[in-house]
Amino acid sequence: MLPIHFPPRQTVYWWFRRFVRLLLFRTIHDIALMIDRERSGRNADPSAVVVDSQTIKSPAAAGTRGFDGAKKIVGRKRHIAVDIDGHLLMVNLTTTDSSGAQAILDGLAKRWTLIKHLFADGAYDRRQLLYNAAFLDFVVEIVRRTIQASIPRRGVVERTFGWLTRYRRLVRDYEARLDVSEAMIYAAMASPIIRRIKQAAPGMHVSVMYGTSKEGTALAMAADADIDNALPPAWASAPHALDGQPRPRRRRSQL
C-alpha cells in the first residue's frame, strides 16, 4: 500500500525496477558504509570479513527456490559477507546450495580491494573454494564450532542475520526476482547507517567520490561540495539514460 501522494503503483514499481538495475540501492549502502567507517576512525575499505549463509523459507509464488536437505527447508540461501562490526559488505542469493560462496569471493575481490582475510565456518571448508580463495589472494580461516556459547567472529555475522529478520519483508523471501530481493536487503541495511550518520552530524553536507575497483575508492567529506561529483558513473548518468525511453502510462481515475 502506497502513500496517498504517490503516483500509481505501476509507475512506482517501474522506477523501483529501474533503480534496481542501476544498482542504486547497493551504491547508497556502500557509500553510507564507507562514511560511517571513516567517521569511527577506520579505513573506508575493510581488510577482514566474515562470510556465512542463511537458509530462509520462500513461498511458491517466489519462483526460484530449492530444497535444503540439511535444514529441511524449501527456499533460498543468503550468502553474506560482513566486516568485523557486522556491517553488510555483500550479499548473494541462490537456491539452497553452496554455489553462491564463490560469487561472494569474486564480488569481494572486485568491490572491496583491500580485503585479505576471511573468516568462515566449516561449510566453506571445501578444497575447490579454498583454492579459488588463494587464487584471489585471500587468507581463509575456518572457525570451527566449539562448546562455547559465543564463538569468536561467528557471532558477528549471526547478529547481522538477526538485524535482517527485524524487517518484516525479509523474514521470508517473498520476492519473485533475486535482484529485487538483494535490493531490499541493501535498503534495509543502509537505513540504520544513514540514521547514525545523520545523528552524528545533522547539519553536515557529505560528498562521496566513489570509483570502480580499478580506479580505487576515494572518500571526501566537505561542507560545500558539488553533489554531481559525488556519484558513481552509472548513478550520475542515470537521468540521461532514462531520456527517450517509454514511461508507464498513468491510468485515469475510474471515479
C-alpha atoms as a PDB file:
ATOM      1  CA  MET A   1       0.000   0.000   0.000  1.00  0.00           C
ATOM      2  CA  LEU A   2       1.456   3.305  -1.139  1.00  0.00           C
ATOM      3  CA  PRO A   3       1.068   6.722   0.488  1.00  0.00           C
ATOM      4  CA  ILE A   4      -1.750   8.789  -0.969  1.00  0.00           C
ATOM      5  CA  HIS A   5       0.612  11.344  -2.526  1.00  0.00           C
ATOM      6  CA  PHE A   6       2.489   8.662  -4.534  1.00  0.00           C
ATOM      7  CA  PRO A   7       1.907   8.036  -8.270  1.00  0.00           C
ATOM      8  CA  PRO A   8       0.070   4.881  -9.386  1.00  0.00           C
ATOM      9  CA  ARG A   9       1.540   1.556  -8.352  1.00  0.00           C
ATOM     10  CA  GLN A  10       2.728   0.726 -11.876  1.00  0.00           C
ATOM     11  CA  THR A  11       4.702   3.978 -12.088  1.00  0.00           C
ATOM     12  CA  VAL A  12       6.329   3.499  -8.696  1.00  0.00           C
ATOM     13  CA  TYR A  13       7.330  -0.094  -9.470  1.00  0.00           C
ATOM     14  CA  TRP A  14       8.715   0.909 -12.889  1.00  0.00           C
ATOM     15  CA  TRP A  15      11.050   3.400 -11.249  1.00  0.00           C
ATOM     16  CA  PHE A  16      11.933   0.930  -8.492  1.00  0.00           C
ATOM     17  CA  ARG A  17      12.934  -1.726 -11.024  1.00  0.00           C
ATOM     18  CA  ARG A  18      14.943   0.911 -12.895  1.00  0.00           C
ATOM     19  CA  PHE A  19      16.833   1.789  -9.714  1.00  0.00           C
ATOM     20  CA  VAL A  20      17.452  -1.913  -9.056  1.00  0.00           C
ATOM     21  CA  ARG A  21      19.012  -2.364 -12.493  1.00  0.00           C
ATOM     22  CA  LEU A  22      21.211   0.695 -11.901  1.00  0.00           C
ATOM     23  CA  LEU A  23      22.352  -0.833  -8.561  1.00  0.00           C
ATOM     24  CA  LEU A  24      21.249   2.364  -6.845  1.00  0.00           C
ATOM     25  CA  PHE A  25      20.362   0.759  -3.503  1.00  0.00           C
ATOM     26  CA  ARG A  26      23.695  -1.061  -3.339  1.00  0.00           C
ATOM     27  CA  THR A  27      25.566   2.137  -4.203  1.00  0.00           C
ATOM     28  CA  ILE A  28      23.789   4.134  -1.498  1.00  0.00           C
ATOM     29  CA  HIS A  29      24.554   1.403   1.032  1.00  0.00           C
ATOM     30  CA  ASP A  30      28.249   1.202   0.112  1.00  0.00           C
ATOM     31  CA  ILE A  31      28.702   4.980   0.238  1.00  0.00           C
ATOM     32  CA  ALA A  32      26.988   5.235   3.625  1.00  0.00           C
ATOM     33  CA  LEU A  33      29.072   2.355   4.965  1.00  0.00           C
ATOM     34  CA  MET A  34      32.351   3.972   3.903  1.00  0.00           C
ATOM     35  CA  ILE A  35      31.345   7.268   5.508  1.00  0.00           C
ATOM     36  CA  ASP A  36      30.386   5.513   8.740  1.00  0.00           C
ATOM     37  CA  ARG A  37      33.628   3.532   8.863  1.00  0.00           C
ATOM     38  CA  GLU A  38      35.770   6.639   8.387  1.00  0.00           C
ATOM     39  CA  ARG A  39      33.673   8.525  10.926  1.00  0.00           C
ATOM     40  CA  SER A  40      34.516   5.848  13.504  1.00  0.00           C
ATOM     41  CA  GLY A  41      38.241   6.074  12.723  1.00  0.00           C
ATOM     42  CA  ARG A  42      38.531   3.056  10.422  1.00  0.00           C
ATOM     43  CA  ASN A  43      39.636   2.723   6.839  1.00  0.00           C
ATOM     44  CA  ALA A  44      36.808   3.087   4.328  1.00  0.00           C
ATOM     45  CA  ASP A  45      37.678  -0.323   2.862  1.00  0.00           C
ATOM     46  CA  PRO A  46      37.754  -3.222   5.358  1.00  0.00           C
ATOM     47  CA  SER A  47      40.643  -5.678   5.389  1.00  0.00           C
ATOM     48  CA  ALA A  48      38.913  -8.605   7.143  1.00  0.00           C
ATOM     49  CA  VAL A  49      35.419 -10.006   6.615  1.00  0.00           C
ATOM     50  CA  VAL A  50      33.218 -12.786   7.955  1.00  0.00           C
ATOM     51  CA  VAL A  51      31.335 -14.976   5.468  1.00  0.00           C
ATOM     52  CA  ASP A  52      28.287 -17.088   6.278  1.00  0.00           C
ATOM     53  CA  SER A  53      24.987 -18.231   4.794  1.00  0.00           C
ATOM     54  CA  GLN A  54      21.379 -18.394   5.944  1.00  0.00           C
ATOM     55  CA  THR A  55      18.564 -20.546   4.578  1.00  0.00           C
ATOM     56  CA  ILE A  56      15.179 -18.843   4.601  1.00  0.00           C
ATOM     57  CA  LYS A  57      11.760 -20.022   3.547  1.00  0.00           C
ATOM     58  CA  SER A  58      10.335 -18.808   0.276  1.00  0.00           C
ATOM     59  CA  PRO A  59       6.710 -19.215  -0.864  1.00  0.00           C
ATOM     60  CA  ALA A  60       5.821 -20.926  -4.104  1.00  0.00           C
ATOM     61  CA  ALA A  61       4.942 -17.595  -5.714  1.00  0.00           C
ATOM     62  CA  ALA A  62       8.564 -16.502  -5.352  1.00  0.00           C
ATOM     63  CA  GLY A  63       9.578 -18.835  -8.158  1.00  0.00           C
ATOM     64  CA  THR A  64      13.307 -19.568  -7.891  1.00  0.00           C
ATOM     65  CA  ARG A  65      13.890 -21.732  -4.831  1.00  0.00           C
ATOM     66  CA  GLY A  66      15.303 -25.072  -3.789  1.00  0.00           C
ATOM     67  CA  PHE A  67      15.377 -27.658  -1.011  1.00  0.00           C
ATOM     68  CA  ASP A  68      17.969 -27.590   1.758  1.00  0.00           C
ATOM     69  CA  GLY A  69      18.471 -31.212   2.740  1.00  0.00           C
ATOM     70  CA  ALA A  70      20.364 -30.374   5.931  1.00  0.00           C
ATOM     71  CA  LYS A  71      17.766 -27.990   7.360  1.00  0.00           C
ATOM     72  CA  LYS A  72      14.736 -29.475   5.568  1.00  0.00           C
ATOM     73  CA  ILE A  73      13.688 -26.047   4.278  1.00  0.00           C
ATOM     74  CA  VAL A  74      12.320 -25.132   0.860  1.00  0.00           C
ATOM     75  CA  GLY A  75      13.507 -21.665  -0.036  1.00  0.00           C
ATOM     76  CA  ARG A  76      16.611 -19.668  -0.818  1.00  0.00           C
ATOM     77  CA  LYS A  77      20.026 -19.200   0.705  1.00  0.00           C
ATOM     78  CA  ARG A  78      21.560 -15.829   1.555  1.00  0.00           C
ATOM     79  CA  HIS A  79      25.332 -15.740   1.327  1.00  0.00           C
ATOM     80  CA  ILE A  80      26.585 -12.582   3.036  1.00  0.00           C
ATOM     81  CA  ALA A  81      29.935 -11.016   3.878  1.00  0.00           C
ATOM     82  CA  VAL A  82      30.212  -8.567   6.778  1.00  0.00           C
ATOM     83  CA  ASP A  83      33.044  -6.608   8.357  1.00  0.00           C
ATOM     84  CA  ILE A  84      34.195  -7.278  11.915  1.00  0.00           C
ATOM     85  CA  ASP A  85      31.487  -4.918  13.210  1.00  0.00           C
ATOM     86  CA  GLY A  86      28.728  -6.840  11.439  1.00  0.00           C
ATOM     87  CA  HIS A  87      28.021  -4.288   8.699  1.00  0.00           C
ATOM     88  CA  LEU A  88      26.944  -5.831   5.420  1.00  0.00           C
ATOM     89  CA  LEU A  89      29.502  -5.722   2.609  1.00  0.00           C
ATOM     90  CA  MET A  90      27.926  -8.014   0.040  1.00  0.00           C
ATOM     91  CA  VAL A  91      25.006 -10.389  -0.346  1.00  0.00           C
ATOM     92  CA  ASN A  92      24.332 -13.064  -2.931  1.00  0.00           C
ATOM     93  CA  LEU A  93      21.083 -15.017  -3.170  1.00  0.00           C
ATOM     94  CA  THR A  94      20.900 -18.509  -4.626  1.00  0.00           C
ATOM     95  CA  THR A  95      18.754 -21.569  -4.326  1.00  0.00           C
ATOM     96  CA  THR A  96      19.552 -23.735  -1.313  1.00  0.00           C
ATOM     97  CA  ASP A  97      23.064 -24.839  -2.256  1.00  0.00           C
ATOM     98  CA  SER A  98      26.598 -23.546  -1.700  1.00  0.00           C
ATOM     99  CA  SER A  99      27.300 -22.222  -5.196  1.00  0.00           C
ATOM    100  CA  GLY A 100      26.875 -18.634  -4.030  1.00  0.00           C
ATOM    101  CA  ALA A 101      30.042 -18.786  -1.933  1.00  0.00           C
ATOM    102  CA  GLN A 102      32.258 -18.405  -4.998  1.00  0.00           C
ATOM    103  CA  ALA A 103      30.220 -15.418  -6.190  1.00  0.00           C
ATOM    104  CA  ILE A 104      30.816 -13.782  -2.797  1.00  0.00           C
ATOM    105  CA  LEU A 105      34.587 -14.202  -3.181  1.00  0.00           C
ATOM    106  CA  ASP A 106      34.585 -12.787  -6.708  1.00  0.00           C
ATOM    107  CA  GLY A 107      32.429  -9.840  -5.679  1.00  0.00           C
ATOM    108  CA  LEU A 108      34.597  -9.002  -2.672  1.00  0.00           C
ATOM    109  CA  ALA A 109      37.734  -9.036  -4.810  1.00  0.00           C
ATOM    110  CA  LYS A 110      36.174  -6.554  -7.245  1.00  0.00           C
ATOM    111  CA  ARG A 111      34.316  -4.190  -4.896  1.00  0.00           C
ATOM    112  CA  TRP A 112      36.482  -4.166  -1.760  1.00  0.00           C
ATOM    113  CA  THR A 113      40.072  -4.310  -2.933  1.00  0.00           C
ATOM    114  CA  LEU A 114      41.777  -4.180   0.488  1.00  0.00           C
ATOM    115  CA  ILE A 115      40.211  -7.372   1.858  1.00  0.00           C
ATOM    116  CA  LYS A 116      42.806 -10.041   2.592  1.00  0.00           C
ATOM    117  CA  HIS A 117      41.461 -12.120   5.490  1.00  0.00           C
ATOM    118  CA  LEU A 118      38.224 -14.117   5.506  1.00  0.00           C
ATOM    119  CA  PHE A 119      36.582 -15.908   8.431  1.00  0.00           C
ATOM    120  CA  ALA A 120      34.130 -18.703   7.572  1.00  0.00           C
ATOM    121  CA  ASP A 121      32.519 -21.740   9.173  1.00  0.00           C
ATOM    122  CA  GLY A 122      33.022 -25.380   8.327  1.00  0.00           C
ATOM    123  CA  ALA A 123      30.510 -25.282   5.466  1.00  0.00           C
ATOM    124  CA  TYR A 124      33.060 -23.324   3.421  1.00  0.00           C
ATOM    125  CA  ASP A 125      35.887 -25.770   4.140  1.00  0.00           C
ATOM    126  CA  ARG A 126      35.966 -27.212   0.636  1.00  0.00           C
ATOM    127  CA  ARG A 127      39.073 -27.749  -1.452  1.00  0.00           C
ATOM    128  CA  GLN A 128      37.895 -26.003  -4.618  1.00  0.00           C
ATOM    129  CA  LEU A 129      36.597 -22.983  -2.728  1.00  0.00           C
ATOM    130  CA  LEU A 130      39.800 -22.620  -0.701  1.00  0.00           C
ATOM    131  CA  TYR A 131      41.849 -22.961  -3.873  1.00  0.00           C
ATOM    132  CA  ASN A 132      39.855 -20.193  -5.555  1.00  0.00           C
ATOM    133  CA  ALA A 133      40.239 -18.010  -2.463  1.00  0.00           C
ATOM    134  CA  ALA A 134      44.011 -18.489  -2.552  1.00  0.00           C
ATOM    135  CA  PHE A 135      43.982 -17.569  -6.253  1.00  0.00           C
ATOM    136  CA  LEU A 136      42.258 -14.292  -5.314  1.00  0.00           C
ATOM    137  CA  ASP A 137      44.954 -13.677  -2.667  1.00  0.00           C
ATOM    138  CA  PHE A 138      42.583 -14.295   0.257  1.00  0.00           C
ATOM    139  CA  VAL A 139      43.608 -15.919   3.526  1.00  0.00           C
ATOM    140  CA  VAL A 140      40.668 -18.048   4.698  1.00  0.00           C
ATOM    141  CA  GLU A 141      40.395 -19.003   8.370  1.00  0.00           C
ATOM    142  CA  ILE A 142      37.823 -21.684   9.165  1.00  0.00           C
ATOM    143  CA  VAL A 143      36.208 -21.078  12.568  1.00  0.00           C
ATOM    144  CA  ARG A 144      35.171 -24.445  13.975  1.00  0.00           C
ATOM    145  CA  ARG A 145      32.123 -24.896  16.172  1.00  0.00           C
ATOM    146  CA  THR A 146      33.011 -25.430  19.823  1.00  0.00           C
ATOM    147  CA  ILE A 147      31.146 -25.976  23.081  1.00  0.00           C
ATOM    148  CA  GLN A 148      31.478 -22.291  23.902  1.00  0.00           C
ATOM    149  CA  ALA A 149      28.270 -20.288  23.964  1.00  0.00           C
ATOM    150  CA  SER A 150      29.897 -17.491  21.958  1.00  0.00           C
ATOM    151  CA  ILE A 151      32.145 -18.380  19.030  1.00  0.00           C
ATOM    152  CA  PRO A 152      34.655 -15.676  18.039  1.00  0.00           C
ATOM    153  CA  ARG A 153      33.799 -13.977  14.726  1.00  0.00           C
ATOM    154  CA  ARG A 154      30.790 -16.243  14.163  1.00  0.00           C
ATOM    155  CA  GLY A 155      28.605 -14.192  16.476  1.00  0.00           C
ATOM    156  CA  VAL A 156      29.196 -11.095  14.362  1.00  0.00           C
ATOM    157  CA  VAL A 157      27.553 -12.472  11.245  1.00  0.00           C
ATOM    158  CA  GLU A 158      24.762 -14.135  13.242  1.00  0.00           C
ATOM    159  CA  ARG A 159      23.941 -10.726  14.676  1.00  0.00           C
ATOM    160  CA  THR A 160      23.680  -9.382  11.123  1.00  0.00           C
ATOM    161  CA  PHE A 161      21.163 -12.102  10.269  1.00  0.00           C
ATOM    162  CA  GLY A 162      19.231 -11.004  13.337  1.00  0.00           C
ATOM    163  CA  TRP A 163      19.187  -7.428  12.055  1.00  0.00           C
ATOM    164  CA  LEU A 164      17.794  -8.629   8.732  1.00  0.00           C
ATOM    165  CA  THR A 165      14.949 -10.572  10.302  1.00  0.00           C
ATOM    166  CA  ARG A 166      13.816  -7.465  12.190  1.00  0.00           C
ATOM    167  CA  TYR A 167      12.354  -6.290   8.875  1.00  0.00           C
ATOM    168  CA  ARG A 168       9.041  -7.970   8.166  1.00  0.00           C
ATOM    169  CA  ARG A 169       9.636  -8.220   4.426  1.00  0.00           C
ATOM    170  CA  LEU A 170      12.951 -10.032   4.990  1.00  0.00           C
ATOM    171  CA  VAL A 171      11.686 -12.660   7.451  1.00  0.00           C
ATOM    172  CA  ARG A 172      10.686 -14.674   4.372  1.00  0.00           C
ATOM    173  CA  ASP A 173      11.868 -14.154   0.825  1.00  0.00           C
ATOM    174  CA  TYR A 174       8.671 -13.048  -0.889  1.00  0.00           C
ATOM    175  CA  GLU A 175      10.297 -11.535  -3.990  1.00  0.00           C
ATOM    176  CA  ALA A 176       9.935 -13.222  -7.365  1.00  0.00           C
ATOM    177  CA  ARG A 177      13.275 -11.830  -8.603  1.00  0.00           C
ATOM    178  CA  LEU A 178      16.624 -12.359  -6.882  1.00  0.00           C
ATOM    179  CA  ASP A 179      17.932  -8.896  -7.781  1.00  0.00           C
ATOM    180  CA  VAL A 180      14.883  -7.264  -6.180  1.00  0.00           C
ATOM    181  CA  SER A 181      15.402  -9.333  -3.035  1.00  0.00           C
ATOM    182  CA  GLU A 182      19.047  -8.230  -2.847  1.00  0.00           C
ATOM    183  CA  ALA A 183      17.997  -4.593  -3.292  1.00  0.00           C
ATOM    184  CA  MET A 184      15.585  -4.937  -0.367  1.00  0.00           C
ATOM    185  CA  ILE A 185      18.424  -6.234   1.817  1.00  0.00           C
ATOM    186  CA  TYR A 186      20.749  -3.370   0.864  1.00  0.00           C
ATOM    187  CA  ALA A 187      17.994  -0.825   1.513  1.00  0.00           C
ATOM    188  CA  ALA A 188      17.242  -2.340   4.924  1.00  0.00           C
ATOM    189  CA  MET A 189      20.901  -2.380   5.980  1.00  0.00           C
ATOM    190  CA  ALA A 190      21.561   1.152   4.695  1.00  0.00           C
ATOM    191  CA  SER A 191      18.751   2.661   6.764  1.00  0.00           C
ATOM    192  CA  PRO A 192      20.388   2.404  10.247  1.00  0.00           C
ATOM    193  CA  ILE A 193      23.772   3.510   8.873  1.00  0.00           C
ATOM    194  CA  ILE A 194      22.308   6.657   7.312  1.00  0.00           C
ATOM    195  CA  ARG A 195      20.348   7.350  10.505  1.00  0.00           C
ATOM    196  CA  ARG A 196      23.537   7.025  12.569  1.00  0.00           C
ATOM    197  CA  ILE A 197      25.450   9.410  10.274  1.00  0.00           C
ATOM    198  CA  LYS A 198      22.628  11.945  10.410  1.00  0.00           C
ATOM    199  CA  GLN A 199      22.514  11.855  14.205  1.00  0.00           C
ATOM    200  CA  ALA A 200      26.290  12.337  14.446  1.00  0.00           C
ATOM    201  CA  ALA A 201      26.381  15.337  12.079  1.00  0.00           C
ATOM    202  CA  PRO A 202      22.831  16.608  11.409  1.00  0.00           C
ATOM    203  CA  GLY A 203      23.861  19.776   9.563  1.00  0.00           C
ATOM    204  CA  MET A 204      26.766  18.453   7.524  1.00  0.00           C
ATOM    205  CA  HIS A 205      26.629  18.096   3.759  1.00  0.00           C
ATOM    206  CA  VAL A 206      28.506  14.996   2.649  1.00  0.00           C
ATOM    207  CA  SER A 207      30.049  14.431  -0.751  1.00  0.00           C
ATOM    208  CA  VAL A 208      31.395  10.995  -1.599  1.00  0.00           C
ATOM    209  CA  MET A 209      33.606  10.236  -4.575  1.00  0.00           C
ATOM    210  CA  TYR A 210      33.179   6.579  -5.396  1.00  0.00           C
ATOM    211  CA  GLY A 211      35.180   4.859  -8.126  1.00  0.00           C
ATOM    212  CA  THR A 212      35.357   1.365  -9.543  1.00  0.00           C
ATOM    213  CA  SER A 213      37.791  -1.259  -8.348  1.00  0.00           C
ATOM    214  CA  LYS A 214      40.363  -0.277 -10.982  1.00  0.00           C
ATOM    215  CA  GLU A 215      40.106   3.411 -10.215  1.00  0.00           C
ATOM    216  CA  GLY A 216      40.216   2.838  -6.458  1.00  0.00           C
ATOM    217  CA  THR A 217      37.898   4.218  -3.820  1.00  0.00           C
ATOM    218  CA  ALA A 218      38.210   7.761  -2.550  1.00  0.00           C
ATOM    219  CA  LEU A 219      36.157   9.302   0.222  1.00  0.00           C
ATOM    220  CA  ALA A 220      35.781  13.061   0.618  1.00  0.00           C
ATOM    221  CA  MET A 221      33.651  14.947   3.128  1.00  0.00           C
ATOM    222  CA  ALA A 222      33.168  18.661   2.550  1.00  0.00           C
ATOM    223  CA  ALA A 223      30.739  21.380   3.571  1.00  0.00           C
ATOM    224  CA  ASP A 224      30.204  22.883   0.124  1.00  0.00           C
ATOM    225  CA  ALA A 225      30.846  20.084  -2.357  1.00  0.00           C
ATOM    226  CA  ASP A 226      29.248  19.556  -5.736  1.00  0.00           C
ATOM    227  CA  ILE A 227      26.950  16.573  -5.379  1.00  0.00           C
ATOM    228  CA  ASP A 228      27.296  15.723  -9.093  1.00  0.00           C
ATOM    229  CA  ASN A 229      30.935  14.797  -8.497  1.00  0.00           C
ATOM    230  CA  ALA A 230      29.909  12.528  -5.654  1.00  0.00           C
ATOM    231  CA  LEU A 231      28.008   9.993  -7.732  1.00  0.00           C
ATOM    232  CA  PRO A 232      29.434   6.824  -9.280  1.00  0.00           C
ATOM    233  CA  PRO A 233      29.457   6.755 -13.117  1.00  0.00           C
ATOM    234  CA  ALA A 234      26.343   4.586 -13.517  1.00  0.00           C
ATOM    235  CA  TRP A 235      24.430   6.618 -10.966  1.00  0.00           C
ATOM    236  CA  ALA A 236      25.477  10.019 -12.301  1.00  0.00           C
ATOM    237  CA  SER A 237      24.391   9.105 -15.823  1.00  0.00           C
ATOM    238  CA  ALA A 238      21.079   7.594 -14.727  1.00  0.00           C
ATOM    239  CA  PRO A 239      18.853  10.620 -15.546  1.00  0.00           C
ATOM    240  CA  HIS A 240      20.349  10.829 -19.032  1.00  0.00           C
ATOM    241  CA  ALA A 241      19.948   7.089 -19.561  1.00  0.00           C
ATOM    242  CA  LEU A 242      16.242   7.409 -18.876  1.00  0.00           C
ATOM    243  CA  ASP A 243      15.709  10.031 -21.576  1.00  0.00           C
ATOM    244  CA  GLY A 244      13.963   8.793 -24.694  1.00  0.00           C
ATOM    245  CA  GLN A 245      12.628   5.640 -23.041  1.00  0.00           C
ATOM    246  CA  PRO A 246       8.908   4.942 -22.627  1.00  0.00           C
ATOM    247  CA  ARG A 247       7.369   5.776 -19.277  1.00  0.00           C
ATOM    248  CA  PRO A 248       4.472   3.794 -17.853  1.00  0.00           C
ATOM    249  CA  ARG A 249       1.152   5.415 -18.572  1.00  0.00           C
ATOM    250  CA  ARG A 250      -0.812   6.880 -15.707  1.00  0.00           C
ATOM    251  CA  ARG A 251      -4.244   5.344 -15.536  1.00  0.00           C
ATOM    252  CA  ARG A 252      -7.215   7.618 -15.427  1.00  0.00           C
ATOM    253  CA  SER A 253      -9.312   7.576 -12.333  1.00  0.00           C
ATOM    254  CA  GLN A 254     -12.408   5.395 -12.554  1.00  0.00           C
ATOM    255  CA  LEU A 255     -14.407   7.767 -10.359  1.00  0.00           C
END
